[in-house]
Amino acid sequence: MPEGTGALREVLPKQGQLAMEDTAAMVLCKPKILPLKSVSLEKLEKLQRAALEAAQAPEAAPPPSAGAAPPRQ
């Protein structure tokens, strides 16, 4: 075995016919479960919700100057 430790030597017949049996068989694998929403879409929606909450928070809370004494001059 000059080519390697686990190499097999190829043997071809000198007379007669050479027959090869090559049957292609389909190999089925488990189906992959895909998410309904992509990760990037979920991140974008989370950012949009956070931006909406941040924009609505000052409107819902009274301004800090409301109810306070007017500034002195």
PDB file of N, CA and C in Angstrom:
ATOM      1  N   MET A   1       0.836  -1.185   0.000  1.00  0.00           N
ATOM      2  CA  MET A   1       0.000   0.000   0.000  1.00  0.00           C
ATOM      3  C   MET A   1       0.876   1.242   0.000  1.00  0.00           C
ATOM      4  N   PRO A   2       1.339   1.650  -1.128  1.00  0.00           N
ATOM      5  CA  PRO A   2       2.267   2.776  -1.195  1.00  0.00           C
ATOM      6  C   PRO A   2       1.581   4.134  -1.017  1.00  0.00           C
ATOM      7  N   GLU A   3       0.290   4.248  -1.278  1.00  0.00           N
ATOM      8  CA  GLU A   3      -0.374   5.551  -1.262  1.00  0.00           C
ATOM      9  C   GLU A   3      -0.763   6.007   0.137  1.00  0.00           C
ATOM     10  N   GLY A   4      -0.925   5.105   1.038  1.00  0.00           N
ATOM     11  CA  GLY A   4      -1.305   5.471   2.390  1.00  0.00           C
ATOM     12  C   GLY A   4      -1.612   4.245   3.202  1.00  0.00           C
ATOM     13  N   THR A   5      -1.861   4.430   4.468  1.00  0.00           N
ATOM     14  CA  THR A   5      -2.085   3.282   5.336  1.00  0.00           C
ATOM     15  C   THR A   5      -3.443   2.639   5.086  1.00  0.00           C
ATOM     16  N   GLY A   6      -4.486   3.424   4.756  1.00  0.00           N
ATOM     17  CA  GLY A   6      -5.816   2.857   4.574  1.00  0.00           C
ATOM     18  C   GLY A   6      -6.268   2.841   3.125  1.00  0.00           C
ATOM     19  N   ALA A   7      -5.361   3.042   2.179  1.00  0.00           N
ATOM     20  CA  ALA A   7      -5.739   3.102   0.774  1.00  0.00           C
ATOM     21  C   ALA A   7      -6.005   1.710   0.230  1.00  0.00           C
ATOM     22  N   LEU A   8      -7.009   1.622  -0.654  1.00  0.00           N
ATOM     23  CA  LEU A   8      -7.335   0.360  -1.303  1.00  0.00           C
ATOM     24  C   LEU A   8      -6.816   0.402  -2.731  1.00  0.00           C
ATOM     25  N   ARG A   9      -6.345  -0.733  -3.184  1.00  0.00           N
ATOM     26  CA  ARG A   9      -5.827  -0.834  -4.546  1.00  0.00           C
ATOM     27  C   ARG A   9      -6.988  -1.095  -5.499  1.00  0.00           C
ATOM     28  N   GLU A  10      -7.026  -0.383  -6.601  1.00  0.00           N
ATOM     29  CA  GLU A  10      -8.090  -0.532  -7.595  1.00  0.00           C
ATOM     30  C   GLU A  10      -7.804  -1.754  -8.454  1.00  0.00           C
ATOM     31  N   VAL A  11      -8.818  -2.591  -8.639  1.00  0.00           N
ATOM     32  CA  VAL A  11      -8.662  -3.803  -9.438  1.00  0.00           C
ATOM     33  C   VAL A  11      -9.634  -3.733 -10.605  1.00  0.00           C
ATOM     34  N   LEU A  12      -9.110  -3.761 -11.838  1.00  0.00           N
ATOM     35  CA  LEU A  12      -9.933  -3.759 -13.045  1.00  0.00           C
ATOM     36  C   LEU A  12      -9.696  -5.066 -13.792  1.00  0.00           C
ATOM     37  N   PRO A  13     -10.770  -5.674 -14.301  1.00  0.00           N
ATOM     38  CA  PRO A  13     -10.587  -6.937 -15.036  1.00  0.00           C
ATOM     39  C   PRO A  13      -9.908  -6.701 -16.385  1.00  0.00           C
ATOM     40  N   LYS A  14      -9.079  -7.652 -16.775  1.00  0.00           N
ATOM     41  CA  LYS A  14      -8.378  -7.540 -18.051  1.00  0.00           C
ATOM     42  C   LYS A  14      -9.252  -8.069 -19.194  1.00  0.00           C
ATOM     43  N   GLN A  15     -10.159  -9.018 -18.901  1.00  0.00           N
ATOM     44  CA  GLN A  15     -11.045  -9.572 -19.914  1.00  0.00           C
ATOM     45  C   GLN A  15     -12.474  -9.522 -19.377  1.00  0.00           C
ATOM     46  N   GLY A  16     -13.442  -9.535 -20.282  1.00  0.00           N
ATOM     47  CA  GLY A  16     -14.837  -9.564 -19.881  1.00  0.00           C
ATOM     48  C   GLY A  16     -15.432  -8.164 -19.750  1.00  0.00           C
ATOM     49  N   GLN A  17     -16.549  -8.121 -19.104  1.00  0.00           N
ATOM     50  CA  GLN A  17     -17.257  -6.843 -18.967  1.00  0.00           C
ATOM     51  C   GLN A  17     -17.120  -6.305 -17.544  1.00  0.00           C
ATOM     52  N   LEU A  18     -17.120  -5.029 -17.474  1.00  0.00           N
ATOM     53  CA  LEU A  18     -17.063  -4.362 -16.182  1.00  0.00           C
ATOM     54  C   LEU A  18     -18.467  -3.857 -15.863  1.00  0.00           C
ATOM     55  N   ALA A  19     -19.037  -4.313 -14.790  1.00  0.00           N
ATOM     56  CA  ALA A  19     -20.395  -3.908 -14.422  1.00  0.00           C
ATOM     57  C   ALA A  19     -20.335  -3.063 -13.153  1.00  0.00           C
ATOM     58  N   MET A  20     -21.034  -1.954 -13.219  1.00  0.00           N
ATOM     59  CA  MET A  20     -21.114  -1.077 -12.041  1.00  0.00           C
ATOM     60  C   MET A  20     -22.572  -0.924 -11.662  1.00  0.00           C
ATOM     61  N   GLU A  21     -22.831  -0.977 -10.412  1.00  0.00           N
ATOM     62  CA  GLU A  21     -24.197  -0.816  -9.940  1.00  0.00           C
ATOM     63  C   GLU A  21     -24.273   0.536  -9.229  1.00  0.00           C
ATOM     64  N   ASP A  22     -24.897   1.478  -9.872  1.00  0.00           N
ATOM     65  CA  ASP A  22     -24.996   2.825  -9.314  1.00  0.00           C
ATOM     66  C   ASP A  22     -26.473   3.195  -9.223  1.00  0.00           C
ATOM     67  N   THR A  23     -27.037   3.046  -8.074  1.00  0.00           N
ATOM     68  CA  THR A  23     -28.442   3.398  -7.895  1.00  0.00           C
ATOM     69  C   THR A  23     -28.516   4.654  -7.042  1.00  0.00           C
ATOM     70  N   ALA A  24     -29.156   5.630  -7.585  1.00  0.00           N
ATOM     71  CA  ALA A  24     -29.326   6.885  -6.859  1.00  0.00           C
ATOM     72  C   ALA A  24     -30.575   6.777  -5.995  1.00  0.00           C
ATOM     73  N   ALA A  25     -30.404   6.940  -4.727  1.00  0.00           N
ATOM     74  CA  ALA A  25     -31.528   6.873  -3.797  1.00  0.00           C
ATOM     75  C   ALA A  25     -31.689   8.230  -3.129  1.00  0.00           C
ATOM     76  N   MET A  26     -32.929   8.612  -2.964  1.00  0.00           N
ATOM     77  CA  MET A  26     -33.186   9.895  -2.307  1.00  0.00           C
ATOM     78  C   MET A  26     -32.961   9.742  -0.806  1.00  0.00           C
ATOM     79  N   VAL A  27     -32.312  10.717  -0.237  1.00  0.00           N
ATOM     80  CA  VAL A  27     -32.067  10.713   1.193  1.00  0.00           C
ATOM     81  C   VAL A  27     -32.948  11.785   1.794  1.00  0.00           C
ATOM     82  N   LEU A  28     -33.872  11.380   2.644  1.00  0.00           N
ATOM     83  CA  LEU A  28     -34.780  12.331   3.259  1.00  0.00           C
ATOM     84  C   LEU A  28     -34.236  12.754   4.612  1.00  0.00           C
ATOM     85  N   CYS A  29     -34.400  14.016   4.904  1.00  0.00           N
ATOM     86  CA  CYS A  29     -33.963  14.516   6.199  1.00  0.00           C
ATOM     87  C   CYS A  29     -35.156  15.164   6.898  1.00  0.00           C
ATOM     88  N   LYS A  30     -34.979  15.442   8.158  1.00  0.00           N
ATOM     89  CA  LYS A  30     -36.064  16.037   8.935  1.00  0.00           C
ATOM     90  C   LYS A  30     -36.351  17.442   8.408  1.00  0.00           C
ATOM     91  N   PRO A  31     -37.610  17.848   8.369  1.00  0.00           N
ATOM     92  CA  PRO A  31     -37.916  19.210   7.921  1.00  0.00           C
ATOM     93  C   PRO A  31     -37.459  20.221   8.967  1.00  0.00           C
ATOM     94  N   LYS A  32     -36.991  21.336   8.503  1.00  0.00           N
ATOM     95  CA  LYS A  32     -36.531  22.384   9.405  1.00  0.00           C
ATOM     96  C   LYS A  32     -37.710  23.269   9.769  1.00  0.00           C
ATOM     97  N   ILE A  33     -37.841  23.569  11.032  1.00  0.00           N
ATOM     98  CA  ILE A  33     -38.928  24.431  11.487  1.00  0.00           C
ATOM     99  C   ILE A  33     -38.437  25.874  11.414  1.00  0.00           C
ATOM    100  N   LEU A  34     -39.109  26.664  10.608  1.00  0.00           N
ATOM    101  CA  LEU A  34     -38.737  28.057  10.430  1.00  0.00           C
ATOM    102  C   LEU A  34     -39.621  28.946  11.303  1.00  0.00           C
ATOM    103  N   PRO A  35     -39.060  29.984  11.897  1.00  0.00           N
ATOM    104  CA  PRO A  35     -39.878  30.888  12.705  1.00  0.00           C
ATOM    105  C   PRO A  35     -40.806  31.705  11.819  1.00  0.00           C
ATOM    106  N   LEU A  36     -41.957  32.094  12.368  1.00  0.00           N
ATOM    107  CA  LEU A  36     -42.888  32.911  11.605  1.00  0.00           C
ATOM    108  C   LEU A  36     -42.327  34.312  11.380  1.00  0.00           C
ATOM    109  N   LYS A  37     -41.607  34.812  12.367  1.00  0.00           N
ATOM    110  CA  LYS A  37     -40.968  36.126  12.240  1.00  0.00           C
ATOM    111  C   LYS A  37     -39.466  35.933  12.364  1.00  0.00           C
ATOM    112  N   SER A  38     -38.735  36.693  11.582  1.00  0.00           N
ATOM    113  CA  SER A  38     -37.290  36.593  11.661  1.00  0.00           C
ATOM    114  C   SER A  38     -36.795  37.324  12.910  1.00  0.00           C
ATOM    115  N   VAL A  39     -35.596  37.016  13.301  1.00  0.00           N
ATOM    116  CA  VAL A  39     -35.011  37.618  14.500  1.00  0.00           C
ATOM    117  C   VAL A  39     -34.843  39.125  14.296  1.00  0.00           C
ATOM    118  N   SER A  40     -34.417  39.523  13.097  1.00  0.00           N
ATOM    119  CA  SER A  40     -34.213  40.942  12.840  1.00  0.00           C
ATOM    120  C   SER A  40     -35.540  41.692  12.854  1.00  0.00           C
ATOM    121  N   LEU A  41     -36.624  41.071  12.379  1.00  0.00           N
ATOM    122  CA  LEU A  41     -37.932  41.715  12.416  1.00  0.00           C
ATOM    123  C   LEU A  41     -38.400  41.884  13.851  1.00  0.00           C
ATOM    124  N   GLU A  42     -38.162  40.888  14.698  1.00  0.00           N
ATOM    125  CA  GLU A  42     -38.541  40.999  16.104  1.00  0.00           C
ATOM    126  C   GLU A  42     -37.744  42.104  16.795  1.00  0.00           C
ATOM    127  N   LYS A  43     -36.459  42.228  16.482  1.00  0.00           N
ATOM    128  CA  LYS A  43     -35.640  43.298  17.064  1.00  0.00           C
ATOM    129  C   LYS A  43     -36.153  44.666  16.622  1.00  0.00           C
ATOM    130  N   LEU A  44     -36.506  44.774  15.337  1.00  0.00           N
ATOM    131  CA  LEU A  44     -37.013  46.039  14.821  1.00  0.00           C
ATOM    132  C   LEU A  44     -38.325  46.413  15.498  1.00  0.00           C
ATOM    133  N   GLU A  45     -39.227  45.452  15.668  1.00  0.00           N
ATOM    134  CA  GLU A  45     -40.492  45.731  16.344  1.00  0.00           C
ATOM    135  C   GLU A  45     -40.262  46.125  17.794  1.00  0.00           C
ATOM    136  N   LYS A  46     -39.304  45.496  18.448  1.00  0.00           N
ATOM    137  CA  LYS A  46     -38.990  45.833  19.837  1.00  0.00           C
ATOM    138  C   LYS A  46     -38.460  47.265  19.928  1.00  0.00           C
ATOM    139  N   LEU A  47     -37.598  47.650  18.988  1.00  0.00           N
ATOM    140  CA  LEU A  47     -37.080  49.022  18.965  1.00  0.00           C
ATOM    141  C   LEU A  47     -38.192  50.031  18.712  1.00  0.00           C
ATOM    142  N   GLN A  48     -39.117  49.692  17.803  1.00  0.00           N
ATOM    143  CA  GLN A  48     -40.230  50.593  17.514  1.00  0.00           C
ATOM    144  C   GLN A  48     -41.135  50.751  18.727  1.00  0.00           C
ATOM    145  N   ARG A  49     -41.418  49.649  19.426  1.00  0.00           N
ATOM    146  CA  ARG A  49     -42.244  49.733  20.640  1.00  0.00           C
ATOM    147  C   ARG A  49     -41.564  50.592  21.702  1.00  0.00           C
ATOM    148  N   ALA A  50     -40.256  50.411  21.863  1.00  0.00           N
ATOM    149  CA  ALA A  50     -39.513  51.196  22.852  1.00  0.00           C
ATOM    150  C   ALA A  50     -39.524  52.674  22.480  1.00  0.00           C
ATOM    151  N   ALA A  51     -39.406  52.981  21.189  1.00  0.00           N
ATOM    152  CA  ALA A  51     -39.430  54.381  20.748  1.00  0.00           C
ATOM    153  C   ALA A  51     -40.811  54.986  20.978  1.00  0.00           C
ATOM    154  N   LEU A  52     -41.876  54.217  20.704  1.00  0.00           N
ATOM    155  CA  LEU A  52     -43.234  54.728  20.944  1.00  0.00           C
ATOM    156  C   LEU A  52     -43.473  54.966  22.428  1.00  0.00           C
ATOM    157  N   GLU A  53     -43.017  54.051  23.271  1.00  0.00           N
ATOM    158  CA  GLU A  53     -43.186  54.226  24.710  1.00  0.00           C
ATOM    159  C   GLU A  53     -42.403  55.423  25.209  1.00  0.00           C
ATOM    160  N   ALA A  54     -41.210  55.635  24.676  1.00  0.00           N
ATOM    161  CA  ALA A  54     -40.392  56.783  25.083  1.00  0.00           C
ATOM    162  C   ALA A  54     -41.032  58.090  24.622  1.00  0.00           C
ATOM    163  N   ALA A  55     -41.678  58.063  23.464  1.00  0.00           N
ATOM    164  CA  ALA A  55     -42.320  59.280  22.952  1.00  0.00           C
ATOM    165  C   ALA A  55     -43.607  59.577  23.703  1.00  0.00           C
ATOM    166  N   GLN A  56     -44.307  58.542  24.167  1.00  0.00           N
ATOM    167  CA  GLN A  56     -45.567  58.748  24.878  1.00  0.00           C
ATOM    168  C   GLN A  56     -45.352  59.017  26.359  1.00  0.00           C
ATOM    169  N   ALA A  57     -44.242  58.661  26.922  1.00  0.00           N
ATOM    170  CA  ALA A  57     -43.993  58.842  28.350  1.00  0.00           C
ATOM    171  C   ALA A  57     -44.016  60.315  28.758  1.00  0.00           C
ATOM    172  N   PRO A  58     -43.363  61.235  28.062  1.00  0.00           N
ATOM    173  CA  PRO A  58     -43.434  62.646  28.479  1.00  0.00           C
ATOM    174  C   PRO A  58     -44.847  63.230  28.344  1.00  0.00           C
ATOM    175  N   GLU A  59     -45.620  62.748  27.403  1.00  0.00           N
ATOM    176  CA  GLU A  59     -46.983  63.273  27.234  1.00  0.00           C
ATOM    177  C   GLU A  59     -47.869  62.845  28.398  1.00  0.00           C
ATOM    178  N   ALA A  60     -47.704  61.640  28.882  1.00  0.00           N
ATOM    179  CA  ALA A  60     -48.544  61.122  29.948  1.00  0.00           C
ATOM    180  C   ALA A  60     -48.160  61.742  31.288  1.00  0.00           C
ATOM    181  N   ALA A  61     -46.899  61.964  31.536  1.00  0.00           N
ATOM    182  CA  ALA A  61     -46.450  62.547  32.797  1.00  0.00           C
ATOM    183  C   ALA A  61     -46.587  64.066  32.730  1.00  0.00           C
ATOM    184  N   PRO A  62     -46.982  64.691  33.841  1.00  0.00           N
ATOM    185  CA  PRO A  62     -47.077  66.157  33.827  1.00  0.00           C
ATOM    186  C   PRO A  62     -45.684  66.758  33.722  1.00  0.00           C
ATOM    187  N   PRO A  63     -45.582  67.896  33.060  1.00  0.00           N
ATOM    188  CA  PRO A  63     -44.268  68.528  32.936  1.00  0.00           C
ATOM    189  C   PRO A  63     -43.764  68.938  34.320  1.00  0.00           C
ATOM    190  N   PRO A  64     -42.473  68.957  34.539  1.00  0.00           N
ATOM    191  CA  PRO A  64     -41.925  69.263  35.860  1.00  0.00           C
ATOM    192  C   PRO A  64     -42.227  70.689  36.307  1.00  0.00           C
ATOM    193  N   SER A  65     -42.448  71.625  35.401  1.00  0.00           N
ATOM    194  CA  SER A  65     -42.714  73.013  35.796  1.00  0.00           C
ATOM    195  C   SER A  65     -44.189  73.233  36.136  1.00  0.00           C
ATOM    196  N   ALA A  66     -45.072  72.312  35.816  1.00  0.00           N
ATOM    197  CA  ALA A  66     -46.494  72.471  36.109  1.00  0.00           C
ATOM    198  C   ALA A  66     -46.715  72.323  37.612  1.00  0.00           C
ATOM    199  N   GLY A  67     -47.372  73.297  38.226  1.00  0.00           N
ATOM    200  CA  GLY A  67     -47.658  73.226  39.647  1.00  0.00           C
ATOM    201  C   GLY A  67     -46.509  73.751  40.500  1.00  0.00           C
ATOM    202  N   ALA A  68     -45.407  74.045  39.922  1.00  0.00           N
ATOM    203  CA  ALA A  68     -44.284  74.579  40.684  1.00  0.00           C
ATOM    204  C   ALA A  68     -44.371  76.104  40.715  1.00  0.00           C
ATOM    205  N   ALA A  69     -43.680  76.664  41.634  1.00  0.00           N
ATOM    206  CA  ALA A  69     -43.657  78.131  41.732  1.00  0.00           C
ATOM    207  C   ALA A  69     -42.964  78.707  40.525  1.00  0.00           C
ATOM    208  N   PRO A  70     -43.426  79.898  40.072  1.00  0.00           N
ATOM    209  CA  PRO A  70     -42.761  80.510  38.928  1.00  0.00           C
ATOM    210  C   PRO A  70     -41.328  80.885  39.301  1.00  0.00           C
ATOM    211  N   PRO A  71     -40.454  80.837  38.331  1.00  0.00           N
ATOM    212  CA  PRO A  71     -39.053  81.160  38.611  1.00  0.00           C
ATOM    213  C   PRO A  71     -38.900  82.614  39.036  1.00  0.00           C
ATOM    214  N   ARG A  72     -38.035  82.886  40.025  1.00  0.00           N
ATOM    215  CA  ARG A  72     -37.786  84.245  40.504  1.00  0.00           C
ATOM    216  C   ARG A  72     -36.755  84.945  39.641  1.00  0.00           C
ATOM    217  N   GLN A  73     -36.956  86.270  39.553  1.00  0.00           N
ATOM    218  CA  GLN A  73     -36.004  87.046  38.745  1.00  0.00           C
ATOM    219  C   GLN A  73     -35.308  88.058  39.570  1.00  0.00           C
TER     220      GLN A  73
END
